[in-house]
Amino acid sequence: MSTPTLSHLEDAQSYQLELEPGQWARLDYQQEGDILHLNHTLVPPALRGKNAAATLLEYALQDIADRGLKINPVCSYVQSYLKRNPQWQQLLHNGNQETVHEH
């Protein structure tokens, strides 16, 4: 496996991770002011089981934090990831805390 290539394509509203040549995992979002609605995580079959989605999400969340933005986790994978990694929950925009806490 080669060194991962991480990209943020602002015009396409997408974060991308290339773990193997030509194999990209993608996190799509829609920006509304200072909130990013994280809508969809896509991992091609060749990258499944290689921690691609988690690596991509870590990169995206750090970038979002560095930019001072907030998130709305629409994607079920992102919601699940935030439950397992509460250190990122401070990025949730007001009113969304309940969507990632287990009851």
N, C-alpha and C. Protein backbone atom coordinates (compact mmCIF):
# COMPACT_ATOMS: atom_id res chain seq x y z
N MET A 1 0.85 -1.17 0.00
CA MET A 1 0.00 0.00 0.00
C MET A 1 0.90 1.23 0.00
N SER A 2 0.53 2.23 -0.79
CA SER A 2 1.31 3.46 -0.90
C SER A 2 0.93 4.43 0.21
N THR A 3 1.67 5.54 0.29
CA THR A 3 1.37 6.59 1.25
C THR A 3 0.05 7.25 0.90
N PRO A 4 -0.84 7.43 1.88
CA PRO A 4 -2.14 8.04 1.58
C PRO A 4 -2.00 9.48 1.08
N THR A 5 -2.85 9.84 0.14
CA THR A 5 -2.93 11.21 -0.35
C THR A 5 -4.28 11.77 0.08
N LEU A 6 -4.26 12.84 0.87
CA LEU A 6 -5.47 13.46 1.37
C LEU A 6 -5.69 14.78 0.65
N SER A 7 -6.93 15.04 0.25
CA SER A 7 -7.25 16.26 -0.48
C SER A 7 -8.57 16.84 0.01
N HIS A 8 -8.64 18.17 0.01
CA HIS A 8 -9.90 18.86 0.27
C HIS A 8 -10.23 19.64 -0.99
N LEU A 9 -11.31 19.27 -1.64
CA LEU A 9 -11.74 19.92 -2.87
C LEU A 9 -12.92 20.82 -2.53
N GLU A 10 -12.62 22.08 -2.19
CA GLU A 10 -13.68 22.99 -1.74
C GLU A 10 -14.73 23.23 -2.80
N ASP A 11 -14.33 23.39 -4.06
CA ASP A 11 -15.30 23.63 -5.13
C ASP A 11 -16.29 22.48 -5.27
N ALA A 12 -15.81 21.26 -5.05
CA ALA A 12 -16.66 20.07 -5.15
C ALA A 12 -17.32 19.73 -3.80
N GLN A 13 -16.98 20.48 -2.75
CA GLN A 13 -17.46 20.22 -1.40
C GLN A 13 -17.24 18.76 -1.02
N SER A 14 -15.95 18.37 -1.05
CA SER A 14 -15.59 16.98 -0.83
C SER A 14 -14.18 16.87 -0.24
N TYR A 15 -14.03 15.96 0.70
CA TYR A 15 -12.71 15.54 1.17
C TYR A 15 -12.44 14.19 0.53
N GLN A 16 -11.18 13.96 0.11
CA GLN A 16 -10.86 12.70 -0.56
C GLN A 16 -9.56 12.12 -0.03
N LEU A 17 -9.49 10.79 -0.03
CA LEU A 17 -8.32 10.06 0.43
C LEU A 17 -7.98 8.99 -0.60
N GLU A 18 -6.75 9.03 -1.08
CA GLU A 18 -6.28 7.98 -2.01
C GLU A 18 -5.31 7.09 -1.23
N LEU A 19 -5.75 5.86 -0.93
CA LEU A 19 -4.90 4.91 -0.21
C LEU A 19 -4.10 4.05 -1.17
N GLU A 20 -4.66 3.78 -2.32
CA GLU A 20 -4.00 3.01 -3.36
C GLU A 20 -4.19 3.75 -4.67
N PRO A 21 -3.26 3.62 -5.61
CA PRO A 21 -3.37 4.37 -6.87
C PRO A 21 -4.75 4.22 -7.53
N GLY A 22 -5.39 5.36 -7.75
CA GLY A 22 -6.69 5.37 -8.42
C GLY A 22 -7.87 4.96 -7.55
N GLN A 23 -7.64 4.69 -6.26
CA GLN A 23 -8.71 4.26 -5.36
C GLN A 23 -8.94 5.34 -4.30
N TRP A 24 -10.03 6.09 -4.44
CA TRP A 24 -10.33 7.23 -3.60
C TRP A 24 -11.54 6.98 -2.72
N ALA A 25 -11.39 7.24 -1.41
CA ALA A 25 -12.53 7.31 -0.51
C ALA A 25 -12.95 8.78 -0.49
N ARG A 26 -14.23 9.04 -0.25
CA ARG A 26 -14.73 10.41 -0.36
C ARG A 26 -15.75 10.72 0.73
N LEU A 27 -15.67 11.94 1.26
CA LEU A 27 -16.66 12.46 2.20
C LEU A 27 -17.24 13.72 1.57
N ASP A 28 -18.50 13.67 1.21
CA ASP A 28 -19.17 14.81 0.58
C ASP A 28 -19.91 15.62 1.64
N TYR A 29 -19.92 16.92 1.45
CA TYR A 29 -20.61 17.80 2.38
C TYR A 29 -21.28 18.93 1.63
N GLN A 30 -22.14 19.64 2.34
CA GLN A 30 -22.76 20.85 1.82
C GLN A 30 -22.52 21.93 2.87
N GLN A 31 -21.92 23.05 2.45
CA GLN A 31 -21.63 24.12 3.39
C GLN A 31 -22.77 25.12 3.42
N GLU A 32 -23.16 25.47 4.64
CA GLU A 32 -24.20 26.47 4.86
C GLU A 32 -23.67 27.40 5.95
N GLY A 33 -23.13 28.54 5.55
CA GLY A 33 -22.49 29.45 6.50
C GLY A 33 -21.27 28.79 7.11
N ASP A 34 -21.25 28.70 8.45
CA ASP A 34 -20.10 28.07 9.11
C ASP A 34 -20.38 26.63 9.51
N ILE A 35 -21.42 26.02 8.91
CA ILE A 35 -21.78 24.63 9.19
C ILE A 35 -21.56 23.78 7.95
N LEU A 36 -20.88 22.65 8.13
CA LEU A 36 -20.74 21.68 7.06
C LEU A 36 -21.68 20.51 7.35
N HIS A 37 -22.62 20.27 6.46
CA HIS A 37 -23.51 19.12 6.55
C HIS A 37 -22.77 17.94 5.91
N LEU A 38 -22.28 17.02 6.74
CA LEU A 38 -21.52 15.87 6.24
C LEU A 38 -22.52 14.82 5.77
N ASN A 39 -22.70 14.76 4.44
CA ASN A 39 -23.82 14.03 3.85
C ASN A 39 -23.55 12.57 3.50
N HIS A 40 -22.34 12.27 3.04
CA HIS A 40 -22.15 10.93 2.46
C HIS A 40 -20.68 10.54 2.52
N THR A 41 -20.42 9.33 2.95
CA THR A 41 -19.07 8.75 2.93
C THR A 41 -19.10 7.60 1.92
N LEU A 42 -18.17 7.63 1.00
CA LEU A 42 -18.08 6.59 -0.02
C LEU A 42 -16.69 5.96 0.02
N VAL A 43 -16.64 4.64 0.20
CA VAL A 43 -15.38 3.90 0.19
C VAL A 43 -15.50 2.81 -0.86
N PRO A 44 -14.64 2.85 -1.90
CA PRO A 44 -14.73 1.81 -2.93
C PRO A 44 -14.36 0.44 -2.35
N PRO A 45 -14.87 -0.63 -2.95
CA PRO A 45 -14.62 -1.98 -2.43
C PRO A 45 -13.14 -2.28 -2.19
N ALA A 46 -12.25 -1.79 -3.05
CA ALA A 46 -10.82 -2.08 -2.90
C ALA A 46 -10.22 -1.49 -1.63
N LEU A 47 -10.88 -0.48 -1.04
CA LEU A 47 -10.34 0.17 0.16
C LEU A 47 -11.05 -0.27 1.44
N ARG A 48 -12.11 -1.04 1.33
CA ARG A 48 -12.86 -1.46 2.52
C ARG A 48 -12.00 -2.37 3.38
N GLY A 49 -12.13 -2.19 4.70
CA GLY A 49 -11.36 -2.98 5.64
C GLY A 49 -9.94 -2.45 5.85
N LYS A 50 -9.63 -1.30 5.29
CA LYS A 50 -8.29 -0.72 5.41
C LYS A 50 -8.31 0.60 6.19
N ASN A 51 -9.38 0.82 6.95
CA ASN A 51 -9.49 2.01 7.81
C ASN A 51 -9.59 3.30 7.00
N ALA A 52 -9.98 3.20 5.74
CA ALA A 52 -10.02 4.37 4.86
C ALA A 52 -11.02 5.42 5.35
N ALA A 53 -12.22 5.01 5.71
CA ALA A 53 -13.24 5.98 6.13
C ALA A 53 -12.81 6.71 7.40
N ALA A 54 -12.26 5.98 8.37
CA ALA A 54 -11.82 6.60 9.62
C ALA A 54 -10.66 7.56 9.38
N THR A 55 -9.71 7.16 8.55
CA THR A 55 -8.57 8.03 8.23
C THR A 55 -9.05 9.30 7.54
N LEU A 56 -9.95 9.14 6.60
CA LEU A 56 -10.51 10.28 5.88
C LEU A 56 -11.25 11.21 6.83
N LEU A 57 -12.06 10.64 7.71
CA LEU A 57 -12.85 11.45 8.63
C LEU A 57 -11.95 12.19 9.63
N GLU A 58 -10.91 11.55 10.11
CA GLU A 58 -9.96 12.22 11.01
C GLU A 58 -9.36 13.46 10.32
N TYR A 59 -8.94 13.28 9.09
CA TYR A 59 -8.37 14.39 8.33
C TYR A 59 -9.40 15.51 8.15
N ALA A 60 -10.61 15.14 7.76
CA ALA A 60 -11.65 16.13 7.52
C ALA A 60 -12.02 16.87 8.81
N LEU A 61 -12.20 16.14 9.90
CA LEU A 61 -12.58 16.77 11.16
C LEU A 61 -11.49 17.71 11.67
N GLN A 62 -10.23 17.32 11.51
CA GLN A 62 -9.14 18.21 11.93
C GLN A 62 -9.14 19.48 11.09
N ASP A 63 -9.35 19.34 9.79
CA ASP A 63 -9.40 20.51 8.91
C ASP A 63 -10.58 21.41 9.28
N ILE A 64 -11.72 20.82 9.56
CA ILE A 64 -12.91 21.58 9.94
C ILE A 64 -12.65 22.33 11.25
N ALA A 65 -12.04 21.66 12.21
CA ALA A 65 -11.70 22.30 13.49
C ALA A 65 -10.72 23.46 13.27
N ASP A 66 -9.70 23.23 12.45
CA ASP A 66 -8.70 24.27 12.17
C ASP A 66 -9.32 25.49 11.52
N ARG A 67 -10.37 25.28 10.75
CA ARG A 67 -11.05 26.38 10.04
C ARG A 67 -12.13 27.04 10.90
N GLY A 68 -12.35 26.52 12.12
CA GLY A 68 -13.33 27.11 13.02
C GLY A 68 -14.77 26.89 12.61
N LEU A 69 -15.03 25.79 11.87
CA LEU A 69 -16.37 25.49 11.40
C LEU A 69 -17.04 24.46 12.31
N LYS A 70 -18.32 24.26 12.12
CA LYS A 70 -19.11 23.28 12.85
C LYS A 70 -19.65 22.25 11.87
N ILE A 71 -20.15 21.13 12.40
CA ILE A 71 -20.66 20.07 11.54
C ILE A 71 -22.09 19.68 11.93
N ASN A 72 -22.79 19.17 10.92
CA ASN A 72 -24.07 18.50 11.08
C ASN A 72 -23.88 17.11 10.48
N PRO A 73 -23.77 16.07 11.32
CA PRO A 73 -23.49 14.72 10.81
C PRO A 73 -24.73 14.03 10.24
N VAL A 74 -24.98 14.24 8.96
CA VAL A 74 -26.12 13.62 8.28
C VAL A 74 -25.81 12.15 7.99
N CYS A 75 -24.62 11.86 7.57
CA CYS A 75 -24.18 10.50 7.20
C CYS A 75 -24.16 9.59 8.43
N SER A 76 -24.73 8.40 8.30
CA SER A 76 -24.79 7.46 9.42
C SER A 76 -23.39 7.03 9.87
N TYR A 77 -22.44 6.91 8.95
CA TYR A 77 -21.08 6.55 9.35
C TYR A 77 -20.48 7.65 10.22
N VAL A 78 -20.67 8.90 9.85
CA VAL A 78 -20.14 10.02 10.63
C VAL A 78 -20.78 10.02 12.02
N GLN A 79 -22.08 9.79 12.10
CA GLN A 79 -22.76 9.73 13.39
C GLN A 79 -22.16 8.64 14.27
N SER A 80 -21.97 7.47 13.69
CA SER A 80 -21.39 6.34 14.42
C SER A 80 -19.96 6.65 14.86
N TYR A 81 -19.19 7.25 13.98
CA TYR A 81 -17.80 7.59 14.29
C TYR A 81 -17.73 8.56 15.47
N LEU A 82 -18.63 9.55 15.50
CA LEU A 82 -18.64 10.52 16.59
C LEU A 82 -19.03 9.88 17.92
N LYS A 83 -19.87 8.87 17.89
CA LYS A 83 -20.20 8.14 19.12
C LYS A 83 -18.96 7.45 19.68
N ARG A 84 -18.13 6.90 18.79
CA ARG A 84 -16.92 6.19 19.21
C ARG A 84 -15.75 7.12 19.51
N ASN A 85 -15.83 8.36 19.04
CA ASN A 85 -14.73 9.31 19.19
C ASN A 85 -15.26 10.64 19.70
N PRO A 86 -15.63 10.69 20.98
CA PRO A 86 -16.30 11.89 21.52
C PRO A 86 -15.42 13.14 21.51
N GLN A 87 -14.13 13.00 21.30
CA GLN A 87 -13.26 14.18 21.25
C GLN A 87 -13.63 15.13 20.12
N TRP A 88 -14.37 14.65 19.13
CA TRP A 88 -14.77 15.50 18.00
C TRP A 88 -16.15 16.12 18.20
N GLN A 89 -16.87 15.76 19.25
CA GLN A 89 -18.25 16.23 19.40
C GLN A 89 -18.34 17.73 19.64
N GLN A 90 -17.24 18.37 20.01
CA GLN A 90 -17.28 19.84 20.18
C GLN A 90 -17.49 20.53 18.83
N LEU A 91 -17.33 19.80 17.73
CA LEU A 91 -17.56 20.38 16.40
C LEU A 91 -19.04 20.42 16.02
N LEU A 92 -19.89 19.73 16.77
CA LEU A 92 -21.31 19.71 16.46
C LEU A 92 -21.91 21.09 16.62
N HIS A 93 -22.71 21.50 15.64
CA HIS A 93 -23.37 22.79 15.78
C HIS A 93 -24.48 22.67 16.81
N ASN A 94 -24.87 23.78 17.40
CA ASN A 94 -25.90 23.79 18.46
C ASN A 94 -27.15 23.05 18.02
N GLY A 95 -27.67 22.25 18.92
CA GLY A 95 -28.90 21.54 18.63
C GLY A 95 -28.68 20.15 18.08
N ASN A 96 -27.43 19.77 17.80
CA ASN A 96 -27.18 18.45 17.23
C ASN A 96 -26.52 17.50 18.22
N GLN A 97 -26.27 17.92 19.44
CA GLN A 97 -25.60 17.06 20.40
C GLN A 97 -26.34 15.74 20.59
N GLU A 98 -27.66 15.77 20.59
CA GLU A 98 -28.43 14.56 20.87
C GLU A 98 -28.32 13.52 19.77
N THR A 99 -27.94 13.92 18.56
CA THR A 99 -27.93 12.95 17.46
C THR A 99 -26.79 11.96 17.57
N VAL A 100 -25.78 12.25 18.40
CA VAL A 100 -24.65 11.33 18.47
C VAL A 100 -24.46 10.71 19.83
N HIS A 101 -25.28 11.08 20.81
CA HIS A 101 -25.18 10.47 22.13
C HIS A 101 -26.08 9.24 22.17
N GLU A 102 -25.56 8.18 22.75
CA GLU A 102 -26.39 6.98 22.89
C GLU A 102 -27.30 7.18 24.09
N HIS A 103 -28.52 6.73 23.95
CA HIS A 103 -29.51 6.89 25.04
C HIS A 103 -29.71 5.56 25.73
